[in-house]
Amino acid sequence: MVYEGKWLVSCHCFFLLTAKFYWILTLMQRTHGQEYTHSIRLDGDIILGGLFPVHAKGDRGVPCGELKKEKGIHRLEAMLYAIDQINKDPDLLTNITLGVRILDTCSRDTYALEQSLTFVQALIEKDGSDVKCANGDPPIFTKPDKISGVIGAAASSVSIMVANILRLFKIPQISYASTAPELSDNTRYDFFSRVVPPDSYQAQAMVDIVTALGWNYVSTLASEGNYGESGVEAFTQISREIGGVCIAQSLKIPREPRPGEFEKIIKRLLETPNARAVIMFANEDDIRRILEAAKKANQSGHFLWIGSDSWGSKISPVQQQEEIAEGAVTILPKRTSIDGFDRYFRSRTLANNRRNVWFAEFWEENFGCKLGSHGKRNSNIKKCTGLERIARDSAYEQEGKVQFVIDAVYSMAYALHNMHKDLCPGYIGLCPRMSTIDGKELLSYIRAVNFNGSAGTPVVFNENGDAPGRYDIFQYQITNKSTEYKVIGQWTNQLHLNMYIQTTTLTVSMSLSASVSLGMLYMPKVYIIIFHPEQNVQKRKRSFKAVVTAATMQSKLTQKGNDRPNGEVKTELCESLETNTSSTKTTYVSYSNQAN
């Protein structure tokens, strides 16, 4: 039997498998036959792989769940858009066509590993001695496409898993969204690069935000895995180094949460009621479920969320729970909406976008309709006419990482272009030296690219393959029953905020910068003087300890970590009597939209 992505053997034969490749072939067999194994495949002189979370994780052992319209479809269409633009550009990779092979990771690292084996099959050794045909004839193999480089993945845990297999076959990888600090380790992930900054920069920005807002007593919340745990670890380390911020609790969301897990997490956060600020390094699905649990617990206005770039300015985590999310401060690598992509995506229809094998599913989800008898939606849903149009008959807003997907593809294209200029001077098309692209050589060209990206900012990589840190700071606000993420500042090595403390009778405005953050130390005092003068009394100064030893903790804590269901709670004891958080909702902090 012949199926896509597997070797085709022309005779009836059996495999004498070497131990070296037994596990790879076993995973290939498992991958075949699963529901979401189909892929997007476009021919070209050079083929690039793509990894996107088209679907969410499935429940109860099912690999794939619901469709991800923005993080999945928008992003993979951004890759297709970039490929189209490059192939039309007469000055970039002249007479060379880029093709693609795009796969769905289903937001799960182990599933993504199985899928990514498609990228390395052409590089597995060609020794035919392991194969014998029944009639004695030598086998004839039809090899799959050779992948020269991979764009992706999104989640850090997925990129780490995939990077471990791609590096064995020297296939360069450029991520558009993975930010775990671990991926900066050039000795372990030497073929990995990214057009987004690592979380070590993001963690510094979040510490600066907490300090600027005058909060010194916070909790942290991480999704289990490299992204969440590394981000919180970086935040904790930096906050300890600078001092003045106490971690009340550090909670972790299990990779496979049990029923009621998120409700238990909210209950644990409420055990330290003065630590209203919650620093979140969590994936999109976990953020949504945490907000749902807080809403169910009737805790609107209690928690002050500080969200990492996995929250950013996304709509899906806050839908139908806007009041719980109100006031959340989030961070996102500095980006610009790409007008060309908007025009492209709005023009996509069922008729002109057959190359995207998931587009019919997106159409049903986006317009709330059903496509014929084979559609996935139930029979009570209206039928799609095919005349629906994106942004006219449905809401549309460009997903936040579209720019970075485009920049990642262009990084690969410019590297190949420069490589072609050096190896094939004056040659039309691919010369013999590039008929088989050396991955290690291509990597050196990737690390050397320097061009203006889709947002007009330079795209460069350091020696570890990291992009520089540039962030926008947002706040989720509700004004006159309308909701929006407002840009309230930026971070480029230091924090710049434009802040207003709004009340019904008083507005105090100030411009904040981490470089002059000394003034922010007095912000809690100003708040007390203005709003609570009765508290304006001198208190005995206490020493501040960020961490207390386990022996001391054991005598003072009322509940031990092993008494908790997932055992992932860490508590720090703070001796400061003046722990500060924001005021109640009636005088919550909001910001002007004056940042660049």
Foldseek 3Di string as FASTA:
>chain_A
DDDPLDKDWPFAKDFQDDPVCPVLVVLLVVLPPADFLDWFKDDWLAEEEEEFQQFAQDPDPRGGDHGDLARGVLQVVLLVVLQVVQQPDCVFQHLGHYIYIYGHQRNDQVSLQSSCSSQCQQVPDPDQPRMAHPVRDGIDIDTHDHHQAYEDDAEQQNCLSNLQVCVVSLHAYEYLHYAQPVLLPCVRRVRYFYQAFHLLQVLVQLLQVCLLQPFAEAEEEAEPDRQGVRNVVSNLVVCQVVDRHAHFKYYYAYPRHDPPRLLVVVVVVVVPQLRQEYEYRYALVSLLVNLVSCVVVVPQFRHAYEYEQNVPFDDVSCPPRLRNQAFHKYKHFDDDDQPVSVVVVQPDFPVPPVSGVCVQVSVCVFQVAADPPPGPDDPVTHHDPRPDTPVVRGPDDRHDSSQRSSQRSVLLSQLVRVVCCVPPPPDNYDDPVVSPPRSVSSSVSSQPDWDQGSRRHIRHADSSNGHAGKMWMWGWHADPNDTGTAGAWIDRPKTWGWWWFDAPPDIDTDIDIRVPSPVSVCVVVVCCVVPPVVPPDDDDDDDWDRADDPVVCVVPDPDALVVDPVSRMDGGDTPDPDRDDADTPNRGIDHDRPYD
